[in-house]
Amino acid sequence: MKLSINALLTFPVERTITEITEFIRRYVEAAGANGVVVGVSGGIDSSVALALAVKALGKEHVTALILPDRRTTPKQDVDDALTLVKLFDVRYHLIYIDDIIDVFSKIPFFDPDNNIATGNLRARVRMNILYYFANRFNNLVLGTGDRSEILIGYFTKYGDGAVDLLPLACLYKTQVRHIAHWLGVPERIIKKPSSPRLWPGHLAEKELGMKYDDIDLILYGLFDLGLTEEQLSELAGIRPELIERVITLHRRSRHKRGFPPYPKLTWIREPLKEL
């Protein structure tokens, strides 16, 4: 038996769409919120998240924020984001974050050329704007992260990882692209390479050093099928070092997926002495 990426794409798409939209609808209603706000980048994840939100809540309960930085966001991404919000007929605001990032240049240790630190700052600035809107208008922040990104920690802690609900967390990146066809996402966006656009020329697969097809197949084999590394390598024809790289990414990003640790006091269950 051989294992290929096709194994991830044979899921019931319409049923999946129904279950995700019901999840969004129930969660927003239970929270007593007026709707959701979505950061729309022009990429595949935010496009699918926007489409599902509109399907779940209706366009009048969805607002899109497009938050580019002229130094890192290609014009094509902004154009694609504008195409999406017009396609799904939702309210939107286009806000360039350049000036906000520039304010941080006054910090003595600010380094604009540090891709990781400054790139994560961009993600956190965007999330601050999303949460300001959410607080101002009683909305929830609908996250756009998928299962692949979550399991390997490919997101900014307290940036795009700081959201109220994650409707795509049940789908791998390749499955998100697959489901996009059924939701009417333009083909150009479906085929676009993934990128958080945190620095100029930033591409996800280039930074990760792996294709998402391989990442998703490894994650599927390990977490869903329960295969050992040896079994996965043999069945999927993936080099052991790539499997080990994905496992390392998962382990090192564990802190991103949980509540911050705190000390557990040894006396907490003992009766307190009377003062």
C-alpha atoms as a PDB file:
ATOM      1  CA  MET A   1       0.000   0.000   0.000  1.00  0.00           C
ATOM      2  CA  LYS A   2       1.240   3.479  -0.922  1.00  0.00           C
ATOM      3  CA  LEU A   3       0.213   6.724   0.774  1.00  0.00           C
ATOM      4  CA  SER A   4      -0.131   9.887  -1.318  1.00  0.00           C
ATOM      5  CA  ILE A   5      -1.532  13.388  -0.920  1.00  0.00           C
ATOM      6  CA  ASN A   6      -4.729  12.181  -2.613  1.00  0.00           C
ATOM      7  CA  ALA A   7      -5.631  10.448   0.655  1.00  0.00           C
ATOM      8  CA  LEU A   8      -6.219  13.882   2.192  1.00  0.00           C
ATOM      9  CA  LEU A   9      -8.447  15.060  -0.635  1.00  0.00           C
ATOM     10  CA  THR A  10     -11.093  12.329  -0.586  1.00  0.00           C
ATOM     11  CA  PHE A  11     -13.187  13.880   2.169  1.00  0.00           C
ATOM     12  CA  PRO A  12     -16.888  14.863   1.924  1.00  0.00           C
ATOM     13  CA  VAL A  13     -16.552  18.509   0.923  1.00  0.00           C
ATOM     14  CA  GLU A  14     -20.196  19.580   1.171  1.00  0.00           C
ATOM     15  CA  ARG A  15     -20.602  17.932   4.563  1.00  0.00           C
ATOM     16  CA  THR A  16     -17.396  19.601   5.742  1.00  0.00           C
ATOM     17  CA  ILE A  17     -18.648  23.025   4.625  1.00  0.00           C
ATOM     18  CA  THR A  18     -21.943  22.449   6.424  1.00  0.00           C
ATOM     19  CA  GLU A  19     -20.261  21.403   9.670  1.00  0.00           C
ATOM     20  CA  ILE A  20     -17.830  24.330   9.658  1.00  0.00           C
ATOM     21  CA  THR A  21     -20.521  26.904   8.914  1.00  0.00           C
ATOM     22  CA  GLU A  22     -22.714  25.470  11.671  1.00  0.00           C
ATOM     23  CA  PHE A  23     -19.773  25.716  14.046  1.00  0.00           C
ATOM     24  CA  ILE A  24     -19.260  29.394  13.170  1.00  0.00           C
ATOM     25  CA  ARG A  25     -22.953  30.189  13.503  1.00  0.00           C
ATOM     26  CA  ARG A  26     -23.350  28.467  16.879  1.00  0.00           C
ATOM     27  CA  TYR A  27     -20.183  29.963  18.326  1.00  0.00           C
ATOM     28  CA  VAL A  28     -21.071  33.531  17.339  1.00  0.00           C
ATOM     29  CA  GLU A  29     -24.627  33.159  18.644  1.00  0.00           C
ATOM     30  CA  ALA A  30     -23.425  31.679  21.947  1.00  0.00           C
ATOM     31  CA  ALA A  31     -21.034  34.604  22.403  1.00  0.00           C
ATOM     32  CA  GLY A  32     -23.819  37.134  21.834  1.00  0.00           C
ATOM     33  CA  ALA A  33     -21.712  38.812  19.158  1.00  0.00           C
ATOM     34  CA  ASN A  34     -23.022  40.906  16.278  1.00  0.00           C
ATOM     35  CA  GLY A  35     -20.784  39.151  13.786  1.00  0.00           C
ATOM     36  CA  VAL A  36     -17.139  38.519  12.935  1.00  0.00           C
ATOM     37  CA  VAL A  37     -14.210  40.491  11.615  1.00  0.00           C
ATOM     38  CA  VAL A  38     -11.709  38.753   9.328  1.00  0.00           C
ATOM     39  CA  GLY A  39      -8.238  39.844   8.286  1.00  0.00           C
ATOM     40  CA  VAL A  40      -8.195  39.326   4.523  1.00  0.00           C
ATOM     41  CA  SER A  41      -4.765  39.149   2.903  1.00  0.00           C
ATOM     42  CA  GLY A  42      -5.616  37.868  -0.567  1.00  0.00           C
ATOM     43  CA  GLY A  43      -4.194  34.454   0.313  1.00  0.00           C
ATOM     44  CA  ILE A  44      -5.923  31.079   0.294  1.00  0.00           C
ATOM     45  CA  ASP A  45      -6.675  30.714   4.027  1.00  0.00           C
ATOM     46  CA  SER A  46      -8.225  34.132   4.583  1.00  0.00           C
ATOM     47  CA  SER A  47     -10.204  33.755   1.343  1.00  0.00           C
ATOM     48  CA  VAL A  48     -11.755  30.475   2.445  1.00  0.00           C
ATOM     49  CA  ALA A  49     -12.339  31.774   5.980  1.00  0.00           C
ATOM     50  CA  LEU A  50     -14.150  34.814   4.574  1.00  0.00           C
ATOM     51  CA  ALA A  51     -16.309  32.663   2.275  1.00  0.00           C
ATOM     52  CA  LEU A  52     -17.281  30.331   5.127  1.00  0.00           C
ATOM     53  CA  ALA A  53     -18.087  33.253   7.442  1.00  0.00           C
ATOM     54  CA  VAL A  54     -20.424  34.788   4.843  1.00  0.00           C
ATOM     55  CA  LYS A  55     -22.068  31.418   4.249  1.00  0.00           C
ATOM     56  CA  ALA A  56     -22.551  30.923   7.990  1.00  0.00           C
ATOM     57  CA  LEU A  57     -23.668  34.391   9.080  1.00  0.00           C
ATOM     58  CA  GLY A  58     -24.701  36.316   5.996  1.00  0.00           C
ATOM     59  CA  LYS A  59     -22.681  39.164   4.490  1.00  0.00           C
ATOM     60  CA  GLU A  60     -24.234  41.767   6.804  1.00  0.00           C
ATOM     61  CA  HIS A  61     -22.566  40.131   9.821  1.00  0.00           C
ATOM     62  CA  VAL A  62     -19.063  39.903   8.327  1.00  0.00           C
ATOM     63  CA  THR A  63     -16.478  42.685   8.044  1.00  0.00           C
ATOM     64  CA  ALA A  64     -13.122  42.330   6.312  1.00  0.00           C
ATOM     65  CA  LEU A  65     -10.004  44.292   7.232  1.00  0.00           C
ATOM     66  CA  ILE A  66      -7.254  44.456   4.607  1.00  0.00           C
ATOM     67  CA  LEU A  67      -4.030  45.411   6.408  1.00  0.00           C
ATOM     68  CA  PRO A  68      -1.049  45.566   4.040  1.00  0.00           C
ATOM     69  CA  ASP A  69       2.391  47.059   4.517  1.00  0.00           C
ATOM     70  CA  ARG A  70       3.679  48.680   1.320  1.00  0.00           C
ATOM     71  CA  ARG A  71       7.188  47.388   2.037  1.00  0.00           C
ATOM     72  CA  THR A  72       6.200  43.735   2.242  1.00  0.00           C
ATOM     73  CA  THR A  73       2.773  43.286   0.635  1.00  0.00           C
ATOM     74  CA  PRO A  74       2.731  42.973  -3.172  1.00  0.00           C
ATOM     75  CA  LYS A  75       0.115  45.071  -4.970  1.00  0.00           C
ATOM     76  CA  GLN A  76      -1.332  41.851  -6.401  1.00  0.00           C
ATOM     77  CA  ASP A  77      -2.230  40.687  -2.875  1.00  0.00           C
ATOM     78  CA  VAL A  78      -4.105  43.915  -2.186  1.00  0.00           C
ATOM     79  CA  ASP A  79      -5.894  43.633  -5.526  1.00  0.00           C
ATOM     80  CA  ASP A  80      -6.831  40.004  -4.754  1.00  0.00           C
ATOM     81  CA  ALA A  81      -8.146  40.989  -1.318  1.00  0.00           C
ATOM     82  CA  LEU A  82     -10.259  43.736  -2.866  1.00  0.00           C
ATOM     83  CA  THR A  83     -11.560  41.270  -5.450  1.00  0.00           C
ATOM     84  CA  LEU A  84     -12.629  38.931  -2.646  1.00  0.00           C
ATOM     85  CA  VAL A  85     -14.483  41.462  -0.519  1.00  0.00           C
ATOM     86  CA  LYS A  86     -16.329  42.678  -3.594  1.00  0.00           C
ATOM     87  CA  LEU A  87     -17.049  39.120  -4.729  1.00  0.00           C
ATOM     88  CA  PHE A  88     -18.628  38.246  -1.372  1.00  0.00           C
ATOM     89  CA  ASP A  89     -20.114  41.750  -1.026  1.00  0.00           C
ATOM     90  CA  VAL A  90     -18.926  42.399   2.532  1.00  0.00           C
ATOM     91  CA  ARG A  91     -18.084  45.638   4.316  1.00  0.00           C
ATOM     92  CA  TYR A  92     -14.351  46.248   4.378  1.00  0.00           C
ATOM     93  CA  HIS A  93     -11.653  48.686   5.423  1.00  0.00           C
ATOM     94  CA  LEU A  94      -8.284  48.984   3.688  1.00  0.00           C
ATOM     95  CA  ILE A  95      -5.725  50.202   6.216  1.00  0.00           C
ATOM     96  CA  TYR A  96      -2.008  50.412   5.453  1.00  0.00           C
ATOM     97  CA  ILE A  97       0.058  49.663   8.547  1.00  0.00           C
ATOM     98  CA  ASP A  98       3.314  51.304   7.377  1.00  0.00           C
ATOM     99  CA  ASP A  99       2.976  54.345   9.633  1.00  0.00           C
ATOM    100  CA  ILE A 100       2.167  52.193  12.661  1.00  0.00           C
ATOM    101  CA  ILE A 101       5.272  50.059  12.119  1.00  0.00           C
ATOM    102  CA  ASP A 102       7.346  53.220  11.699  1.00  0.00           C
ATOM    103  CA  VAL A 103       6.334  54.376  15.177  1.00  0.00           C
ATOM    104  CA  PHE A 104       8.229  51.391  16.589  1.00  0.00           C
ATOM    105  CA  SER A 105      11.432  52.632  14.912  1.00  0.00           C
ATOM    106  CA  LYS A 106      11.761  55.052  17.847  1.00  0.00           C
ATOM    107  CA  ILE A 107      12.489  52.117  20.140  1.00  0.00           C
ATOM    108  CA  PRO A 108      16.287  52.056  20.789  1.00  0.00           C
ATOM    109  CA  PHE A 109      16.664  48.378  19.915  1.00  0.00           C
ATOM    110  CA  PHE A 110      14.376  48.387  16.872  1.00  0.00           C
ATOM    111  CA  ASP A 111      15.946  46.688  13.858  1.00  0.00           C
ATOM    112  CA  PRO A 112      13.936  46.917  10.613  1.00  0.00           C
ATOM    113  CA  ASP A 113      16.215  44.364   8.975  1.00  0.00           C
ATOM    114  CA  ASN A 114      15.502  41.660  11.550  1.00  0.00           C
ATOM    115  CA  ASN A 115      12.973  39.667   9.532  1.00  0.00           C
ATOM    116  CA  ILE A 116      11.666  37.543  12.393  1.00  0.00           C
ATOM    117  CA  ALA A 117      11.224  40.265  15.017  1.00  0.00           C
ATOM    118  CA  THR A 118       9.894  42.935  12.655  1.00  0.00           C
ATOM    119  CA  GLY A 119       7.814  40.425  10.707  1.00  0.00           C
ATOM    120  CA  ASN A 120       6.132  39.185  13.876  1.00  0.00           C
ATOM    121  CA  LEU A 121       5.561  42.824  14.851  1.00  0.00           C
ATOM    122  CA  ARG A 122       3.574  43.278  11.640  1.00  0.00           C
ATOM    123  CA  ALA A 123       1.401  40.289  12.518  1.00  0.00           C
ATOM    124  CA  ARG A 124       0.797  41.641  16.028  1.00  0.00           C
ATOM    125  CA  VAL A 125      -0.037  45.132  14.783  1.00  0.00           C
ATOM    126  CA  ARG A 126      -2.626  43.620  12.458  1.00  0.00           C
ATOM    127  CA  MET A 127      -4.144  41.651  15.310  1.00  0.00           C
ATOM    128  CA  ASN A 128      -4.346  44.770  17.486  1.00  0.00           C
ATOM    129  CA  ILE A 129      -6.362  46.499  14.768  1.00  0.00           C
ATOM    130  CA  LEU A 130      -8.638  43.472  14.342  1.00  0.00           C
ATOM    131  CA  TYR A 131      -9.317  43.320  18.078  1.00  0.00           C
ATOM    132  CA  TYR A 132      -9.928  47.047  18.302  1.00  0.00           C
ATOM    133  CA  PHE A 133     -12.610  46.673  15.638  1.00  0.00           C
ATOM    134  CA  ALA A 134     -14.026  43.574  17.368  1.00  0.00           C
ATOM    135  CA  ASN A 135     -14.249  45.348  20.734  1.00  0.00           C
ATOM    136  CA  ARG A 136     -15.678  48.498  19.164  1.00  0.00           C
ATOM    137  CA  PHE A 137     -18.499  46.718  17.333  1.00  0.00           C
ATOM    138  CA  ASN A 138     -19.106  43.603  19.476  1.00  0.00           C
ATOM    139  CA  ASN A 139     -17.575  41.235  16.929  1.00  0.00           C
ATOM    140  CA  LEU A 140     -15.435  38.138  17.264  1.00  0.00           C
ATOM    141  CA  VAL A 141     -12.089  37.860  15.502  1.00  0.00           C
ATOM    142  CA  LEU A 142     -12.381  34.938  13.110  1.00  0.00           C
ATOM    143  CA  GLY A 143      -8.965  33.352  12.637  1.00  0.00           C
ATOM    144  CA  THR A 144      -7.641  32.082   9.325  1.00  0.00           C
ATOM    145  CA  GLY A 145      -5.011  29.561  10.450  1.00  0.00           C
ATOM    146  CA  ASP A 146      -5.235  26.002   9.106  1.00  0.00           C
ATOM    147  CA  ARG A 147      -4.297  22.704  10.745  1.00  0.00           C
ATOM    148  CA  SER A 148      -0.918  22.500   9.014  1.00  0.00           C
ATOM    149  CA  GLU A 149       0.179  25.879  10.363  1.00  0.00           C
ATOM    150  CA  ILE A 150      -1.109  25.147  13.843  1.00  0.00           C
ATOM    151  CA  LEU A 151       0.572  21.750  14.180  1.00  0.00           C
ATOM    152  CA  ILE A 152       3.990  23.003  13.058  1.00  0.00           C
ATOM    153  CA  GLY A 153       3.658  26.369  14.797  1.00  0.00           C
ATOM    154  CA  TYR A 154       3.810  28.383  11.594  1.00  0.00           C
ATOM    155  CA  PHE A 155       2.042  31.422  12.973  1.00  0.00           C
ATOM    156  CA  THR A 156       2.902  34.391  15.156  1.00  0.00           C
ATOM    157  CA  LYS A 157       2.195  33.932  18.837  1.00  0.00           C
ATOM    158  CA  TYR A 158      -0.210  36.706  19.905  1.00  0.00           C
ATOM    159  CA  GLY A 159      -0.332  37.740  16.254  1.00  0.00           C
ATOM    160  CA  ASP A 160      -2.370  35.709  13.776  1.00  0.00           C
ATOM    161  CA  GLY A 161      -2.561  33.041  16.485  1.00  0.00           C
ATOM    162  CA  ALA A 162      -4.527  35.360  18.783  1.00  0.00           C
ATOM    163  CA  VAL A 163      -8.124  34.880  17.659  1.00  0.00           C
ATOM    164  CA  ASP A 164     -11.552  33.940  19.014  1.00  0.00           C
ATOM    165  CA  LEU A 165     -12.320  30.972  16.766  1.00  0.00           C
ATOM    166  CA  LEU A 166     -10.404  28.932  14.200  1.00  0.00           C
ATOM    167  CA  PRO A 167     -12.810  27.416  11.670  1.00  0.00           C
ATOM    168  CA  LEU A 168      -9.998  26.085   9.442  1.00  0.00           C
ATOM    169  CA  ALA A 169      -8.080  24.365  12.226  1.00  0.00           C
ATOM    170  CA  CYS A 170      -9.683  21.072  11.201  1.00  0.00           C
ATOM    171  CA  LEU A 171      -8.293  21.228   7.639  1.00  0.00           C
ATOM    172  CA  TYR A 172      -4.760  20.841   6.297  1.00  0.00           C
ATOM    173  CA  LYS A 173      -3.459  23.465   3.852  1.00  0.00           C
ATOM    174  CA  THR A 174      -3.996  21.183   0.846  1.00  0.00           C
ATOM    175  CA  GLN A 175      -7.568  20.544   1.993  1.00  0.00           C
ATOM    176  CA  VAL A 176      -8.213  24.282   2.319  1.00  0.00           C
ATOM    177  CA  ARG A 177      -7.113  24.741  -1.298  1.00  0.00           C
ATOM    178  CA  HIS A 178      -9.346  21.824  -2.298  1.00  0.00           C
ATOM    179  CA  ILE A 179     -12.434  23.201  -0.561  1.00  0.00           C
ATOM    180  CA  ALA A 180     -11.880  26.666  -2.048  1.00  0.00           C
ATOM    181  CA  HIS A 181     -13.195  25.519  -5.427  1.00  0.00           C
ATOM    182  CA  TRP A 182     -16.622  24.761  -3.905  1.00  0.00           C
ATOM    183  CA  LEU A 183     -16.762  28.176  -2.249  1.00  0.00           C
ATOM    184  CA  GLY A 184     -16.176  30.223  -5.372  1.00  0.00           C
ATOM    185  CA  VAL A 185     -12.678  31.466  -4.533  1.00  0.00           C
ATOM    186  CA  PRO A 186     -10.954  32.715  -7.712  1.00  0.00           C
ATOM    187  CA  GLU A 187      -8.550  30.227  -9.297  1.00  0.00           C
ATOM    188  CA  ARG A 188      -5.702  32.752  -9.199  1.00  0.00           C
ATOM    189  CA  ILE A 189      -5.876  32.837  -5.402  1.00  0.00           C
ATOM    190  CA  ILE A 190      -6.210  29.066  -5.090  1.00  0.00           C
ATOM    191  CA  LYS A 191      -2.977  28.579  -7.036  1.00  0.00           C
ATOM    192  CA  LYS A 192      -1.066  31.400  -5.333  1.00  0.00           C
ATOM    193  CA  PRO A 193       1.936  30.296  -3.191  1.00  0.00           C
ATOM    194  CA  SER A 194       1.278  30.687   0.533  1.00  0.00           C
ATOM    195  CA  SER A 195       2.961  33.588   2.307  1.00  0.00           C
ATOM    196  CA  PRO A 196       2.376  35.555   5.538  1.00  0.00           C
ATOM    197  CA  ARG A 197       4.151  38.507   3.802  1.00  0.00           C
ATOM    198  CA  LEU A 198       6.045  39.396   6.963  1.00  0.00           C
ATOM    199  CA  TRP A 199       9.104  40.612   5.023  1.00  0.00           C
ATOM    200  CA  PRO A 200       9.896  41.360   1.377  1.00  0.00           C
ATOM    201  CA  GLY A 201       9.816  38.233  -0.811  1.00  0.00           C
ATOM    202  CA  HIS A 202       8.518  36.105   2.047  1.00  0.00           C
ATOM    203  CA  LEU A 203       7.205  32.698   0.907  1.00  0.00           C
ATOM    204  CA  ALA A 204       6.055  29.995   3.329  1.00  0.00           C
ATOM    205  CA  GLU A 205       7.492  26.943   1.577  1.00  0.00           C
ATOM    206  CA  LYS A 206      10.830  28.711   1.051  1.00  0.00           C
ATOM    207  CA  GLU A 207      11.098  29.543   4.749  1.00  0.00           C
ATOM    208  CA  LEU A 208       9.997  26.065   5.826  1.00  0.00           C
ATOM    209  CA  GLY A 209      12.252  24.354   3.302  1.00  0.00           C
ATOM    210  CA  MET A 210       9.449  21.937   2.388  1.00  0.00           C
ATOM    211  CA  LYS A 211       6.365  21.772   0.208  1.00  0.00           C
ATOM    212  CA  TYR A 212       2.978  21.741   1.912  1.00  0.00           C
ATOM    213  CA  ASP A 213       2.108  18.505   0.101  1.00  0.00           C
ATOM    214  CA  ASP A 214       4.914  16.794   2.035  1.00  0.00           C
ATOM    215  CA  ILE A 215       4.189  18.607   5.305  1.00  0.00           C
ATOM    216  CA  ASP A 216       0.497  17.689   5.166  1.00  0.00           C
ATOM    217  CA  LEU A 217       1.174  14.077   4.251  1.00  0.00           C
ATOM    218  CA  ILE A 218       3.610  13.745   7.151  1.00  0.00           C
ATOM    219  CA  LEU A 219       1.190  15.338   9.621  1.00  0.00           C
ATOM    220  CA  TYR A 220      -1.678  13.180   8.332  1.00  0.00           C
ATOM    221  CA  GLY A 221       0.378  10.017   8.668  1.00  0.00           C
ATOM    222  CA  LEU A 222       1.630  10.803  12.165  1.00  0.00           C
ATOM    223  CA  PHE A 223      -1.412  12.446  13.778  1.00  0.00           C
ATOM    224  CA  ASP A 224      -4.381  10.909  11.959  1.00  0.00           C
ATOM    225  CA  LEU A 225      -3.144   7.456  10.941  1.00  0.00           C
ATOM    226  CA  GLY A 226      -0.827   6.930  13.909  1.00  0.00           C
ATOM    227  CA  LEU A 227       2.042   5.673  11.752  1.00  0.00           C
ATOM    228  CA  THR A 228       5.593   5.444  13.017  1.00  0.00           C
ATOM    229  CA  GLU A 229       8.281   7.465  11.280  1.00  0.00           C
ATOM    230  CA  GLU A 230       9.577   4.298   9.615  1.00  0.00           C
ATOM    231  CA  GLN A 231       6.139   3.251   8.373  1.00  0.00           C
ATOM    232  CA  LEU A 232       5.414   6.733   7.056  1.00  0.00           C
ATOM    233  CA  SER A 233       8.708   6.942   5.199  1.00  0.00           C
ATOM    234  CA  GLU A 234       8.104   3.568   3.566  1.00  0.00           C
ATOM    235  CA  LEU A 235       4.433   4.097   2.667  1.00  0.00           C
ATOM    236  CA  ALA A 236       4.710   7.685   1.477  1.00  0.00           C
ATOM    237  CA  GLY A 237       8.216   7.602   0.047  1.00  0.00           C
ATOM    238  CA  ILE A 238       9.264  10.601   2.134  1.00  0.00           C
ATOM    239  CA  ARG A 239      12.843  10.969   3.301  1.00  0.00           C
ATOM    240  CA  PRO A 240      13.303  10.361   7.060  1.00  0.00           C
ATOM    241  CA  GLU A 241      15.017  13.731   7.538  1.00  0.00           C
ATOM    242  CA  LEU A 242      11.920  15.553   6.280  1.00  0.00           C
ATOM    243  CA  ILE A 243       9.722  13.628   8.702  1.00  0.00           C
ATOM    244  CA  GLU A 244      12.095  14.450  11.534  1.00  0.00           C
ATOM    245  CA  ARG A 245      12.039  18.130  10.547  1.00  0.00           C
ATOM    246  CA  VAL A 246       8.227  18.264  10.808  1.00  0.00           C
ATOM    247  CA  ILE A 247       8.308  16.486  14.173  1.00  0.00           C
ATOM    248  CA  THR A 248      10.893  18.995  15.419  1.00  0.00           C
ATOM    249  CA  LEU A 249       8.752  21.932  14.263  1.00  0.00           C
ATOM    250  CA  HIS A 250       5.781  20.458  16.123  1.00  0.00           C
ATOM    251  CA  ARG A 251       7.727  19.903  19.340  1.00  0.00           C
ATOM    252  CA  ARG A 252       9.407  23.309  19.370  1.00  0.00           C
ATOM    253  CA  SER A 253       6.115  25.122  18.798  1.00  0.00           C
ATOM    254  CA  ARG A 254       4.231  23.396  21.611  1.00  0.00           C
ATOM    255  CA  HIS A 255       4.291  26.615  23.660  1.00  0.00           C
ATOM    256  CA  LYS A 256       2.237  28.345  20.947  1.00  0.00           C
ATOM    257  CA  ARG A 257      -0.690  25.938  21.273  1.00  0.00           C
ATOM    258  CA  GLY A 258      -1.390  26.151  24.972  1.00  0.00           C
ATOM    259  CA  PHE A 259      -1.973  28.493  27.868  1.00  0.00           C
ATOM    260  CA  PRO A 260       1.293  29.969  29.238  1.00  0.00           C
ATOM    261  CA  PRO A 261       2.785  27.750  31.979  1.00  0.00           C
ATOM    262  CA  TYR A 262       2.572  28.793  35.602  1.00  0.00           C
ATOM    263  CA  PRO A 263       3.914  27.300  38.847  1.00  0.00           C
ATOM    264  CA  LYS A 264       1.723  24.837  40.710  1.00  0.00           C
ATOM    265  CA  LEU A 265       2.191  25.576  44.408  1.00  0.00           C
ATOM    266  CA  THR A 266       2.671  22.524  46.605  1.00  0.00           C
ATOM    267  CA  TRP A 267       0.616  23.925  49.478  1.00  0.00           C
ATOM    268  CA  ILE A 268      -2.431  24.892  47.396  1.00  0.00           C
ATOM    269  CA  ARG A 269      -4.574  21.990  48.667  1.00  0.00           C
ATOM    270  CA  GLU A 270      -3.441  22.231  52.269  1.00  0.00           C
ATOM    271  CA  PRO A 271      -5.687  23.934  54.855  1.00  0.00           C
ATOM    272  CA  LEU A 272      -4.547  27.505  55.448  1.00  0.00           C
ATOM    273  CA  LYS A 273      -3.564  28.348  59.016  1.00  0.00           C
ATOM    274  CA  GLU A 274      -5.773  30.782  60.803  1.00  0.00           C
ATOM    275  CA  LEU A 275      -4.278  34.239  61.065  1.00  0.00           C
END
